[in-house]
Amino acid sequence: MSNDAGSSPNLPTVRVGKLDTIPRVREELGRVYRDARRKAGRDLSPSDASRLAFVLQKIGETLIAQDIVDGITTRLDAIERKGGRS
């Protein structure tokens, strides 16, 4: 299932951007999901459905993580505007 870069001369090189932020990871998970969903077709096997559901679960987790980060950032910004006092 996994191919190391350069393991086969017939496989194209796939470039993946940096996965160093939650939005970038979420975007890549979305690409993985959409690609897998297209390849699976309309009639999903139970194993394909399980794999796709797992990817969707991970996308949901990144959305929750981003909400948490956004909430913390908003609160910190409010504290800074008040001059550091709570």
Protein backbone atom coordinates (compact mmCIF):
# COMPACT_ATOMS: atom_id res chain seq x y z
CA MET A 1 0.00 0.00 0.00
CA SER A 2 2.78 2.44 0.78
CA ASN A 3 5.45 3.18 -1.79
CA ASP A 4 8.72 4.82 -0.98
CA ALA A 5 9.78 7.53 -3.40
CA GLY A 6 11.92 5.97 -6.06
CA SER A 7 10.87 2.38 -5.28
CA SER A 8 9.53 1.91 -8.81
CA PRO A 9 10.59 3.84 -11.89
CA ASN A 10 7.03 3.58 -13.28
CA LEU A 11 5.34 5.42 -10.42
CA PRO A 12 5.03 9.20 -10.62
CA THR A 13 6.47 11.26 -7.81
CA VAL A 14 3.75 12.66 -5.58
CA ARG A 15 4.57 15.95 -3.95
CA VAL A 16 3.00 16.65 -0.60
CA GLY A 17 3.30 20.10 0.92
CA LYS A 18 4.32 20.76 4.47
CA LEU A 19 2.03 19.16 7.03
CA ASP A 20 3.03 21.50 9.82
CA THR A 21 -0.31 23.12 10.65
CA ILE A 22 -3.76 21.78 11.42
CA PRO A 23 -5.30 23.34 8.27
CA ARG A 24 -2.62 21.80 6.06
CA VAL A 25 -3.11 18.36 7.61
CA ARG A 26 -6.89 18.73 7.20
CA GLU A 27 -6.47 19.68 3.52
CA GLU A 28 -4.26 16.65 2.89
CA LEU A 29 -6.71 14.35 4.68
CA GLY A 30 -9.44 15.78 2.46
CA ARG A 31 -7.40 15.02 -0.64
CA VAL A 32 -6.75 11.48 0.56
CA TYR A 33 -10.44 10.95 1.32
CA ARG A 34 -11.68 12.37 -1.99
CA ASP A 35 -9.15 10.34 -3.99
CA ALA A 36 -10.02 7.13 -2.15
CA ARG A 37 -13.76 7.81 -2.45
CA ARG A 38 -13.52 8.35 -6.20
CA LYS A 39 -11.53 5.15 -6.63
CA ALA A 40 -13.93 3.13 -4.46
CA GLY A 41 -16.91 4.00 -6.65
CA ARG A 42 -20.57 3.91 -5.70
CA ASP A 43 -20.72 0.43 -4.19
CA LEU A 44 -18.34 0.38 -1.25
CA SER A 45 -17.03 -2.84 0.16
CA PRO A 46 -17.19 -3.03 3.95
CA SER A 47 -13.40 -2.66 4.17
CA ASP A 48 -13.41 0.42 1.90
CA ALA A 49 -16.26 1.94 3.89
CA SER A 50 -14.35 1.34 7.12
CA ARG A 51 -11.20 2.94 5.75
CA LEU A 52 -13.08 5.97 4.45
CA ALA A 53 -14.93 6.36 7.75
CA PHE A 54 -11.58 6.35 9.54
CA VAL A 55 -10.29 9.16 7.33
CA LEU A 56 -13.49 11.14 7.93
CA GLN A 57 -13.07 10.63 11.67
CA LYS A 58 -9.54 12.03 11.47
CA ILE A 59 -10.80 15.02 9.47
CA GLY A 60 -13.37 15.64 12.21
CA GLU A 61 -10.65 15.48 14.84
CA THR A 62 -8.63 18.11 12.99
CA LEU A 63 -11.70 20.35 12.85
CA ILE A 64 -12.13 20.03 16.61
CA ALA A 65 -8.43 20.72 17.17
CA GLN A 66 -8.64 23.85 15.02
CA ASP A 67 -11.69 25.05 16.96
CA ILE A 68 -9.75 24.62 20.20
CA VAL A 69 -6.73 26.51 18.83
CA ASP A 70 -8.98 29.29 17.51
CA GLY A 71 -10.73 29.59 20.88
CA ILE A 72 -7.44 29.81 22.76
CA THR A 73 -6.11 32.39 20.30
CA THR A 74 -9.25 34.49 20.67
CA ARG A 75 -9.01 34.41 24.46
CA LEU A 76 -5.31 35.26 24.44
CA ASP A 77 -5.93 38.18 22.08
CA ALA A 78 -8.66 39.47 24.41
CA ILE A 79 -6.31 39.24 27.40
CA GLU A 80 -3.59 41.11 25.52
CA ARG A 81 -6.05 43.87 24.54
CA LYS A 82 -6.93 44.27 28.23
CA GLY A 83 -3.27 44.84 28.99
CA GLY A 84 -2.51 41.36 30.26
CA ARG A 85 -5.01 41.50 33.10
CA SER A 86 -7.67 38.87 33.54
